[in-house]
Amino acid sequence: KISRTGTTNYADFARGRFAISRGDARNTRVLQMSNLQPEDTAT
């Protein structure tokens, strides 16, 4: 997420399943991932 504009960029595999948002505190980000699949296994 771009701080100044709020624009968000997603990888194709993330679009529709993952959502990034600002956290409650300043300079925090939350990544909500849904419908996870084995191919999402990663660091």
All heavy atoms as atom14 arrays in JSON, in Angstrom:
{
  "sequence": "KISRTGTTNYADFARGRFAISRGDARNTRVLQMSNLQPEDTAT",
  "atom14_mask": [
    [1, 1, 1, 1, 1, 1, 1, 1, 1, 0, 0, 0, 0, 0],
    [1, 1, 1, 1, 1, 1, 1, 1, 0, 0, 0, 0, 0, 0],
    [1, 1, 1, 1, 1, 1, 0, 0, 0, 0, 0, 0, 0, 0],
    [1, 1, 1, 1, 1, 1, 1, 1, 1, 1, 1, 0, 0, 0],
    [1, 1, 1, 1, 1, 1, 1, 0, 0, 0, 0, 0, 0, 0],
    [1, 1, 1, 1, 0, 0, 0, 0, 0, 0, 0, 0, 0, 0],
    [1, 1, 1, 1, 1, 1, 1, 0, 0, 0, 0, 0, 0, 0],
    [1, 1, 1, 1, 1, 1, 1, 0, 0, 0, 0, 0, 0, 0],
    [1, 1, 1, 1, 1, 1, 1, 1, 0, 0, 0, 0, 0, 0],
    [1, 1, 1, 1, 1, 1, 1, 1, 1, 1, 1, 1, 0, 0],
    [1, 1, 1, 1, 1, 0, 0, 0, 0, 0, 0, 0, 0, 0],
    [1, 1, 1, 1, 1, 1, 1, 1, 0, 0, 0, 0, 0, 0],
    [1, 1, 1, 1, 1, 1, 1, 1, 1, 1, 1, 0, 0, 0],
    [1, 1, 1, 1, 1, 0, 0, 0, 0, 0, 0, 0, 0, 0],
    [1, 1, 1, 1, 1, 1, 1, 1, 1, 1, 1, 0, 0, 0],
    [1, 1, 1, 1, 0, 0, 0, 0, 0, 0, 0, 0, 0, 0],
    [1, 1, 1, 1, 1, 1, 1, 1, 1, 1, 1, 0, 0, 0],
    [1, 1, 1, 1, 1, 1, 1, 1, 1, 1, 1, 0, 0, 0],
    [1, 1, 1, 1, 1, 0, 0, 0, 0, 0, 0, 0, 0, 0],
    [1, 1, 1, 1, 1, 1, 1, 1, 0, 0, 0, 0, 0, 0],
    [1, 1, 1, 1, 1, 1, 0, 0, 0, 0, 0, 0, 0, 0],
    [1, 1, 1, 1, 1, 1, 1, 1, 1, 1, 1, 0, 0, 0],
    [1, 1, 1, 1, 0, 0, 0, 0, 0, 0, 0, 0, 0, 0],
    [1, 1, 1, 1, 1, 1, 1, 1, 0, 0, 0, 0, 0, 0],
    [1, 1, 1, 1, 1, 0, 0, 0, 0, 0, 0, 0, 0, 0],
    [1, 1, 1, 1, 1, 1, 1, 1, 1, 1, 1, 0, 0, 0],
    [1, 1, 1, 1, 1, 1, 1, 1, 0, 0, 0, 0, 0, 0],
    [1, 1, 1, 1, 1, 1, 1, 0, 0, 0, 0, 0, 0, 0],
    [1, 1, 1, 1, 1, 1, 1, 1, 1, 1, 1, 0, 0, 0],
    [1, 1, 1, 1, 1, 1, 1, 0, 0, 0, 0, 0, 0, 0],
    [1, 1, 1, 1, 1, 1, 1, 1, 0, 0, 0, 0, 0, 0],
    [1, 1, 1, 1, 1, 1, 1, 1, 1, 0, 0, 0, 0, 0],
    [1, 1, 1, 1, 1, 1, 1, 1, 0, 0, 0, 0, 0, 0],
    [1, 1, 1, 1, 1, 1, 0, 0, 0, 0, 0, 0, 0, 0],
    [1, 1, 1, 1, 1, 1, 1, 1, 0, 0, 0, 0, 0, 0],
    [1, 1, 1, 1, 1, 1, 1, 1, 0, 0, 0, 0, 0, 0],
    [1, 1, 1, 1, 1, 1, 1, 1, 1, 0, 0, 0, 0, 0],
    [1, 1, 1, 1, 1, 1, 1, 0, 0, 0, 0, 0, 0, 0],
    [1, 1, 1, 1, 1, 1, 1, 1, 1, 0, 0, 0, 0, 0],
    [1, 1, 1, 1, 1, 1, 1, 1, 0, 0, 0, 0, 0, 0],
    [1, 1, 1, 1, 1, 1, 1, 0, 0, 0, 0, 0, 0, 0],
    [1, 1, 1, 1, 1, 0, 0, 0, 0, 0, 0, 0, 0, 0],
    [1, 1, 1, 1, 1, 1, 1, 0, 0, 0, 0, 0, 0, 0]
  ],
  "atom14_positions": [
    [[0.85, -1.19, 0.0], [0.0, 0.0, 0.0], [0.88, 1.24, 0.0], [1.82, 1.35, 0.79], [-0.91, -0.01, 1.23], [-1.89, 1.16, 1.28], [-2.79, 1.08, 2.49], [-3.91, 0.08, 2.3], [-4.9, 0.51, 1.3], [0.0, 0.0, 0.0], [0.0, 0.0, 0.0], [0.0, 0.0, 0.0], [0.0, 0.0, 0.0], [0.0, 0.0, 0.0]],
    [[0.56, 2.17, -0.9], [1.27, 3.43, -0.99], [0.71, 4.37, 0.09], [-0.5, 4.58, 0.16], [1.1, 4.07, -2.37], [1.43, 3.06, -3.47], [1.96, 5.32, -2.49], [2.82, 2.53, -3.43], [0.0, 0.0, 0.0], [0.0, 0.0, 0.0], [0.0, 0.0, 0.0], [0.0, 0.0, 0.0], [0.0, 0.0, 0.0], [0.0, 0.0, 0.0]],
    [[1.58, 4.92, 0.91], [1.12, 5.69, 2.07], [0.37, 6.96, 1.67], [-0.71, 7.23, 2.19], [2.31, 6.07, 2.95], [2.96, 4.93, 3.43], [0.0, 0.0, 0.0], [0.0, 0.0, 0.0], [0.0, 0.0, 0.0], [0.0, 0.0, 0.0], [0.0, 0.0, 0.0], [0.0, 0.0, 0.0], [0.0, 0.0, 0.0], [0.0, 0.0, 0.0]],
    [[0.92, 7.72, 0.72], [0.35, 9.03, 0.42], [-1.01, 8.92, -0.26], [-1.93, 9.66, 0.06], [1.32, 9.82, -0.46], [0.86, 11.24, -0.76], [1.94, 11.99, -1.56], [2.21, 11.35, -2.83], [1.5, 11.57, -3.93], [0.48, 12.37, -3.91], [1.81, 10.95, -5.06], [0.0, 0.0, 0.0], [0.0, 0.0, 0.0], [0.0, 0.0, 0.0]],
    [[-1.15, 7.98, -1.18], [-2.38, 7.89, -1.97], [-3.34, 6.81, -1.46], [-4.51, 6.83, -1.81], [-2.05, 7.59, -3.43], [-1.42, 6.29, -3.51], [-1.1, 8.64, -3.99], [0.0, 0.0, 0.0], [0.0, 0.0, 0.0], [0.0, 0.0, 0.0], [0.0, 0.0, 0.0], [0.0, 0.0, 0.0], [0.0, 0.0, 0.0], [0.0, 0.0, 0.0]],
    [[-2.82, 5.86, -0.71], [-3.65, 4.74, -0.28], [-3.8, 3.68, -1.34], [-4.5, 2.68, -1.13], [0.0, 0.0, 0.0], [0.0, 0.0, 0.0], [0.0, 0.0, 0.0], [0.0, 0.0, 0.0], [0.0, 0.0, 0.0], [0.0, 0.0, 0.0], [0.0, 0.0, 0.0], [0.0, 0.0, 0.0], [0.0, 0.0, 0.0], [0.0, 0.0, 0.0]],
    [[-3.15, 3.86, -2.48], [-3.22, 2.88, -3.57], [-2.62, 1.57, -3.12], [-1.61, 1.54, -2.42], [-2.45, 3.4, -4.78], [-3.0, 4.65, -5.18], [-2.55, 2.42, -5.94], [0.0, 0.0, 0.0], [0.0, 0.0, 0.0], [0.0, 0.0, 0.0], [0.0, 0.0, 0.0], [0.0, 0.0, 0.0], [0.0, 0.0, 0.0], [0.0, 0.0, 0.0]],
    [[-3.26, 0.48, -3.52], [-2.79, -0.85, -3.16], [-2.48, -1.65, -4.41], [-3.25, -1.64, -5.37], [-3.85, -1.59, -2.34], [-4.15, -0.83, -1.17], [-3.35, -2.95, -1.91], [0.0, 0.0, 0.0], [0.0, 0.0, 0.0], [0.0, 0.0, 0.0], [0.0, 0.0, 0.0], [0.0, 0.0, 0.0], [0.0, 0.0, 0.0], [0.0, 0.0, 0.0]],
    [[-1.34, -2.32, -4.4], [-0.95, -3.21, -5.49], [-0.98, -4.65, -4.99], [-0.43, -4.94, -3.93], [0.45, -2.86, -5.98], [0.54, -1.46, -6.55], [-0.39, -0.99, -7.18], [1.65, -0.79, -6.32], [0.0, 0.0, 0.0], [0.0, 0.0, 0.0], [0.0, 0.0, 0.0], [0.0, 0.0, 0.0], [0.0, 0.0, 0.0], [0.0, 0.0, 0.0]],
    [[-1.6, -5.53, -5.76], [-1.67, -6.95, -5.42], [-1.05, -7.79, -6.52], [-1.19, -7.49, -7.7], [-3.12, -7.4, -5.25], [-3.82, -6.89, -4.02], [-4.69, -5.8, -4.08], [-3.61, -7.51, -2.78], [-5.32, -5.34, -2.94], [-4.26, -7.06, -1.65], [-5.11, -5.98, -1.73], [-5.75, -5.52, -0.61], [0.0, 0.0, 0.0], [0.0, 0.0, 0.0]],
    [[-0.39, -8.87, -6.11], [0.01, -9.88, -7.07], [-1.24, -10.59, -7.57], [-2.28, -10.62, -6.88], [0.96, -10.87, -6.42], [0.0, 0.0, 0.0], [0.0, 0.0, 0.0], [0.0, 0.0, 0.0], [0.0, 0.0, 0.0], [0.0, 0.0, 0.0], [0.0, 0.0, 0.0], [0.0, 0.0, 0.0], [0.0, 0.0, 0.0], [0.0, 0.0, 0.0]],
    [[-1.15, -11.17, -8.76], [-2.32, -11.84, -9.32], [-2.84, -12.95, -8.4], [-4.04, -13.12, -8.24], [-1.98, -12.43, -10.69], [-1.82, -11.35, -11.75], [-2.29, -10.22, -11.53], [-1.23, -11.65, -12.81], [0.0, 0.0, 0.0], [0.0, 0.0, 0.0], [0.0, 0.0, 0.0], [0.0, 0.0, 0.0], [0.0, 0.0, 0.0], [0.0, 0.0, 0.0]],
    [[-1.94, -13.69, -7.77], [-2.38, -14.79, -6.92], [-3.05, -14.31, -5.64], [-3.79, -15.04, -4.99], [-1.19, -15.7, -6.55], [-0.15, -15.03, -5.7], [-0.32, -14.87, -4.33], [1.02, -14.55, -6.28], [0.64, -14.25, -3.55], [1.99, -13.92, -5.51], [1.79, -13.77, -4.14], [0.0, 0.0, 0.0], [0.0, 0.0, 0.0], [0.0, 0.0, 0.0]],
    [[-2.8, -13.04, -5.27], [-3.35, -12.51, -4.03], [-4.7, -11.81, -4.24], [-5.51, -11.73, -3.31], [-2.37, -11.53, -3.41], [0.0, 0.0, 0.0], [0.0, 0.0, 0.0], [0.0, 0.0, 0.0], [0.0, 0.0, 0.0], [0.0, 0.0, 0.0], [0.0, 0.0, 0.0], [0.0, 0.0, 0.0], [0.0, 0.0, 0.0], [0.0, 0.0, 0.0]],
    [[-4.89, -11.33, -5.45], [-6.11, -10.55, -5.72], [-7.36, -11.4, -5.48], [-7.49, -12.5, -6.01], [-6.06, -10.01, -7.15], [-7.02, -8.88, -7.41], [-6.73, -8.22, -8.76], [-5.49, -7.46, -8.74], [-4.41, -7.79, -9.43], [-4.41, -8.87, -10.2], [-3.32, -7.04, -9.37], [0.0, 0.0, 0.0], [0.0, 0.0, 0.0], [0.0, 0.0, 0.0]],
    [[-8.26, -10.89, -4.67], [-9.49, -11.62, -4.38], [-9.42, -12.5, -3.15], [-10.46, -12.89, -2.6], [0.0, 0.0, 0.0], [0.0, 0.0, 0.0], [0.0, 0.0, 0.0], [0.0, 0.0, 0.0], [0.0, 0.0, 0.0], [0.0, 0.0, 0.0], [0.0, 0.0, 0.0], [0.0, 0.0, 0.0], [0.0, 0.0, 0.0], [0.0, 0.0, 0.0]],
    [[-8.21, -12.87, -2.71], [-8.08, -13.72, -1.53], [-7.39, -13.0, -0.37], [-7.65, -13.28, 0.8], [-7.27, -14.98, -1.85], [-7.91, -15.91, -2.85], [-7.16, -17.23, -2.91], [-5.76, -17.03, -3.28], [-4.74, -17.6, -2.65], [-4.95, -18.37, -1.6], [-3.51, -17.39, -3.08], [0.0, 0.0, 0.0], [0.0, 0.0, 0.0], [0.0, 0.0, 0.0]],
    [[-6.48, -12.09, -0.7], [-5.71, -11.38, 0.32], [-6.14, -9.91, 0.32], [-6.49, -9.35, -0.73], [-4.21, -11.45, 0.04], [-3.62, -12.83, 0.08], [-2.27, -13.01, -0.17], [-4.38, -13.95, 0.38], [-1.69, -14.27, -0.13], [-3.82, -15.21, 0.41], [-2.47, -15.37, 0.15], [0.0, 0.0, 0.0], [0.0, 0.0, 0.0], [0.0, 0.0, 0.0]],
    [[-6.08, -9.3, 1.49], [-6.4, -7.88, 1.6], [-5.41, -7.22, 2.55], [-5.21, -7.69, 3.67], [-7.81, -7.68, 2.11], [0.0, 0.0, 0.0], [0.0, 0.0, 0.0], [0.0, 0.0, 0.0], [0.0, 0.0, 0.0], [0.0, 0.0, 0.0], [0.0, 0.0, 0.0], [0.0, 0.0, 0.0], [0.0, 0.0, 0.0], [0.0, 0.0, 0.0]],
    [[-4.81, -6.13, 2.07], [-3.88, -5.38, 2.91], [-4.57, -4.11, 3.38], [-5.29, -3.46, 2.61], [-2.56, -5.07, 2.16], [-1.54, -4.43, 3.1], [-2.82, -4.19, 0.94], [-0.15, -4.31, 2.47], [0.0, 0.0, 0.0], [0.0, 0.0, 0.0], [0.0, 0.0, 0.0], [0.0, 0.0, 0.0], [0.0, 0.0, 0.0], [0.0, 0.0, 0.0]],
    [[-4.37, -3.76, 4.61], [-5.0, -2.56, 5.16], [-4.08, -1.92, 6.19], [-3.11, -2.52, 6.64], [-6.34, -2.91, 5.8], [-6.16, -3.82, 6.87], [0.0, 0.0, 0.0], [0.0, 0.0, 0.0], [0.0, 0.0, 0.0], [0.0, 0.0, 0.0], [0.0, 0.0, 0.0], [0.0, 0.0, 0.0], [0.0, 0.0, 0.0], [0.0, 0.0, 0.0]],
    [[-4.41, -0.7, 6.52], [-3.66, -0.01, 7.58], [-4.08, -0.58, 8.93], [-5.26, -0.87, 9.15], [-3.94, 1.49, 7.56], [-3.58, 2.18, 6.27], [-3.9, 3.67, 6.35], [-3.88, 4.29, 5.05], [-2.81, 4.81, 4.5], [-1.66, 4.78, 5.15], [-2.86, 5.38, 3.31], [0.0, 0.0, 0.0], [0.0, 0.0, 0.0], [0.0, 0.0, 0.0]],
    [[-3.13, -0.7, 9.83], [-3.46, -1.13, 11.17], [-3.97, 0.03, 12.01], [-4.05, 1.17, 11.54], [0.0, 0.0, 0.0], [0.0, 0.0, 0.0], [0.0, 0.0, 0.0], [0.0, 0.0, 0.0], [0.0, 0.0, 0.0], [0.0, 0.0, 0.0], [0.0, 0.0, 0.0], [0.0, 0.0, 0.0], [0.0, 0.0, 0.0], [0.0, 0.0, 0.0]],
    [[-4.32, -0.26, 13.23], [-4.83, 0.78, 14.11], [-3.76, 1.81, 14.46], [-4.04, 3.0, 14.58], [-5.39, 0.16, 15.4], [-6.62, -0.67, 15.14], [-7.31, -0.39, 14.13], [-6.9, -1.6, 15.92], [0.0, 0.0, 0.0], [0.0, 0.0, 0.0], [0.0, 0.0, 0.0], [0.0, 0.0, 0.0], [0.0, 0.0, 0.0], [0.0, 0.0, 0.0]],
    [[-2.54, 1.35, 14.6], [-1.44, 2.25, 14.95], [-0.8, 2.8, 13.68], [-0.91, 2.2, 12.6], [-0.39, 1.51, 15.79], [0.0, 0.0, 0.0], [0.0, 0.0, 0.0], [0.0, 0.0, 0.0], [0.0, 0.0, 0.0], [0.0, 0.0, 0.0], [0.0, 0.0, 0.0], [0.0, 0.0, 0.0], [0.0, 0.0, 0.0], [0.0, 0.0, 0.0]],
    [[-0.15, 3.93, 13.8], [0.53, 4.53, 12.65], [1.64, 3.61, 12.18], [2.31, 2.93, 12.97], [1.1, 5.88, 13.07], [1.65, 6.68, 11.93], [2.18, 8.02, 12.39], [2.72, 8.79, 11.3], [3.34, 9.95, 11.43], [3.48, 10.46, 12.63], [3.81, 10.58, 10.39], [0.0, 0.0, 0.0], [0.0, 0.0, 0.0], [0.0, 0.0, 0.0]],
    [[1.86, 3.61, 10.86], [2.92, 2.79, 10.26], [2.78, 1.31, 10.58], [3.76, 0.61, 10.88], [4.29, 3.3, 10.7], [4.62, 4.65, 10.1], [4.3, 4.91, 8.95], [5.25, 5.51, 10.88], [0.0, 0.0, 0.0], [0.0, 0.0, 0.0], [0.0, 0.0, 0.0], [0.0, 0.0, 0.0], [0.0, 0.0, 0.0], [0.0, 0.0, 0.0]],
    [[1.56, 0.83, 10.54], [1.31, -0.6, 10.64], [0.49, -1.05, 9.44], [-0.29, -0.27, 8.88], [0.57, -0.98, 11.94], [-0.72, -0.36, 11.93], [1.34, -0.54, 13.16], [0.0, 0.0, 0.0], [0.0, 0.0, 0.0], [0.0, 0.0, 0.0], [0.0, 0.0, 0.0], [0.0, 0.0, 0.0], [0.0, 0.0, 0.0], [0.0, 0.0, 0.0]],
    [[0.67, -2.29, 9.06], [-0.09, -2.87, 7.96], [-0.55, -4.25, 8.38], [0.17, -4.98, 9.08], [0.76, -2.99, 6.7], [1.14, -1.69, 6.06], [-0.03, -0.95, 5.46], [0.43, 0.27, 4.79], [0.56, 1.43, 5.38], [0.24, 1.56, 6.67], [0.97, 2.48, 4.7], [0.0, 0.0, 0.0], [0.0, 0.0, 0.0], [0.0, 0.0, 0.0]],
    [[-1.73, -4.61, 7.94], [-2.29, -5.92, 8.22], [-2.56, -6.61, 6.89], [-3.09, -6.0, 5.97], [-3.6, -5.79, 9.02], [-4.27, -7.15, 9.16], [-3.32, -5.17, 10.39], [0.0, 0.0, 0.0], [0.0, 0.0, 0.0], [0.0, 0.0, 0.0], [0.0, 0.0, 0.0], [0.0, 0.0, 0.0], [0.0, 0.0, 0.0], [0.0, 0.0, 0.0]],
    [[-2.16, -7.85, 6.79], [-2.45, -8.67, 5.61], [-3.42, -9.76, 6.04], [-3.06, -10.65, 6.8], [-1.18, -9.28, 5.03], [-1.39, -10.09, 3.76], [-1.8, -9.19, 2.59], [-0.11, -10.86, 3.39], [0.0, 0.0, 0.0], [0.0, 0.0, 0.0], [0.0, 0.0, 0.0], [0.0, 0.0, 0.0], [0.0, 0.0, 0.0], [0.0, 0.0, 0.0]],
    [[-4.64, -9.66, 5.57], [-5.65, -10.67, 5.84], [-5.67, -11.64, 4.68], [-5.96, -11.25, 3.55], [-7.03, -10.03, 6.03], [-8.13, -11.01, 6.34], [-7.96, -11.66, 7.71], [-7.66, -10.98, 8.69], [-8.14, -12.96, 7.77], [0.0, 0.0, 0.0], [0.0, 0.0, 0.0], [0.0, 0.0, 0.0], [0.0, 0.0, 0.0], [0.0, 0.0, 0.0]],
    [[-5.37, -12.91, 4.95], [-5.31, -13.92, 3.9], [-6.45, -14.92, 4.11], [-6.64, -15.41, 5.23], [-3.96, -14.64, 3.94], [-2.77, -13.7, 3.81], [-1.17, -14.56, 3.76], [-1.09, -15.19, 5.43], [0.0, 0.0, 0.0], [0.0, 0.0, 0.0], [0.0, 0.0, 0.0], [0.0, 0.0, 0.0], [0.0, 0.0, 0.0], [0.0, 0.0, 0.0]],
    [[-7.17, -15.2, 3.06], [-8.27, -16.14, 3.15], [-8.13, -17.21, 2.09], [-7.41, -17.04, 1.11], [-9.61, -15.41, 3.02], [-9.7, -14.77, 1.76], [0.0, 0.0, 0.0], [0.0, 0.0, 0.0], [0.0, 0.0, 0.0], [0.0, 0.0, 0.0], [0.0, 0.0, 0.0], [0.0, 0.0, 0.0], [0.0, 0.0, 0.0], [0.0, 0.0, 0.0]],
    [[-8.84, -18.31, 2.29], [-8.8, -19.44, 1.37], [-7.36, -19.82, 1.02], [-6.99, -19.98, -0.14], [-9.58, -19.12, 0.09], [-9.8, -20.34, -0.78], [-9.79, -21.47, -0.31], [-9.98, -20.12, -2.08], [0.0, 0.0, 0.0], [0.0, 0.0, 0.0], [0.0, 0.0, 0.0], [0.0, 0.0, 0.0], [0.0, 0.0, 0.0], [0.0, 0.0, 0.0]],
    [[-6.56, -19.98, 2.04], [-5.15, -20.32, 1.83], [-5.01, -21.71, 1.24], [-5.79, -22.63, 1.56], [-4.4, -20.23, 3.15], [-4.12, -18.79, 3.62], [-3.77, -18.76, 5.1], [-3.0, -18.18, 2.8], [0.0, 0.0, 0.0], [0.0, 0.0, 0.0], [0.0, 0.0, 0.0], [0.0, 0.0, 0.0], [0.0, 0.0, 0.0], [0.0, 0.0, 0.0]],
    [[-4.02, -21.85, 0.38], [-3.76, -23.12, -0.29], [-2.31, -23.55, -0.03], [-1.47, -22.71, 0.33], [-4.01, -22.97, -1.78], [-5.44, -22.59, -2.13], [-6.46, -23.63, -1.66], [-6.27, -24.84, -1.83], [-7.55, -23.16, -1.04], [0.0, 0.0, 0.0], [0.0, 0.0, 0.0], [0.0, 0.0, 0.0], [0.0, 0.0, 0.0], [0.0, 0.0, 0.0]],
    [[-2.01, -24.82, -0.21], [-0.63, -25.29, 0.03], [0.41, -24.47, -0.73], [1.53, -24.27, -0.22], [-0.67, -26.74, -0.43], [-2.09, -27.17, -0.18], [-2.91, -25.96, -0.49], [0.0, 0.0, 0.0], [0.0, 0.0, 0.0], [0.0, 0.0, 0.0], [0.0, 0.0, 0.0], [0.0, 0.0, 0.0], [0.0, 0.0, 0.0], [0.0, 0.0, 0.0]],
    [[0.08, -23.99, -1.91], [1.04, -23.2, -2.68], [1.31, -21.83, -2.07], [2.21, -21.12, -2.51], [0.59, -23.04, -4.14], [-0.81, -22.49, -4.3], [-1.85, -23.59, -4.45], [-1.68, -24.69, -3.85], [-2.84, -23.35, -5.17], [0.0, 0.0, 0.0], [0.0, 0.0, 0.0], [0.0, 0.0, 0.0], [0.0, 0.0, 0.0], [0.0, 0.0, 0.0]],
    [[0.53, -21.45, -1.06], [0.8, -20.21, -0.35], [1.84, -20.39, 0.75], [2.23, -19.41, 1.4], [-0.5, -19.67, 0.28], [-1.52, -19.26, -0.76], [-1.13, -18.59, -1.73], [-2.71, -19.6, -0.6], [0.0, 0.0, 0.0], [0.0, 0.0, 0.0], [0.0, 0.0, 0.0], [0.0, 0.0, 0.0], [0.0, 0.0, 0.0], [0.0, 0.0, 0.0]],
    [[2.26, -21.62, 0.96], [3.29, -21.88, 1.96], [4.57, -21.14, 1.6], [5.1, -21.3, 0.5], [3.57, -23.39, 2.07], [2.39, -24.04, 2.57], [4.74, -23.66, 3.01], [0.0, 0.0, 0.0], [0.0, 0.0, 0.0], [0.0, 0.0, 0.0], [0.0, 0.0, 0.0], [0.0, 0.0, 0.0], [0.0, 0.0, 0.0], [0.0, 0.0, 0.0]],
    [[5.06, -20.32, 2.52], [6.24, -19.5, 2.27], [6.58, -18.72, 3.54], [5.79, -18.69, 4.49], [5.99, -18.51, 1.13], [0.0, 0.0, 0.0], [0.0, 0.0, 0.0], [0.0, 0.0, 0.0], [0.0, 0.0, 0.0], [0.0, 0.0, 0.0], [0.0, 0.0, 0.0], [0.0, 0.0, 0.0], [0.0, 0.0, 0.0], [0.0, 0.0, 0.0]],
    [[7.75, -18.12, 3.5], [8.08, -17.13, 4.52], [7.61, -15.77, 4.0], [7.97, -15.39, 2.89], [9.59, -17.1, 4.81], [9.99, -18.38, 5.31], [9.91, -16.04, 5.86], [0.0, 0.0, 0.0], [0.0, 0.0, 0.0], [0.0, 0.0, 0.0], [0.0, 0.0, 0.0], [0.0, 0.0, 0.0], [0.0, 0.0, 0.0], [0.0, 0.0, 0.0]]
  ]
}
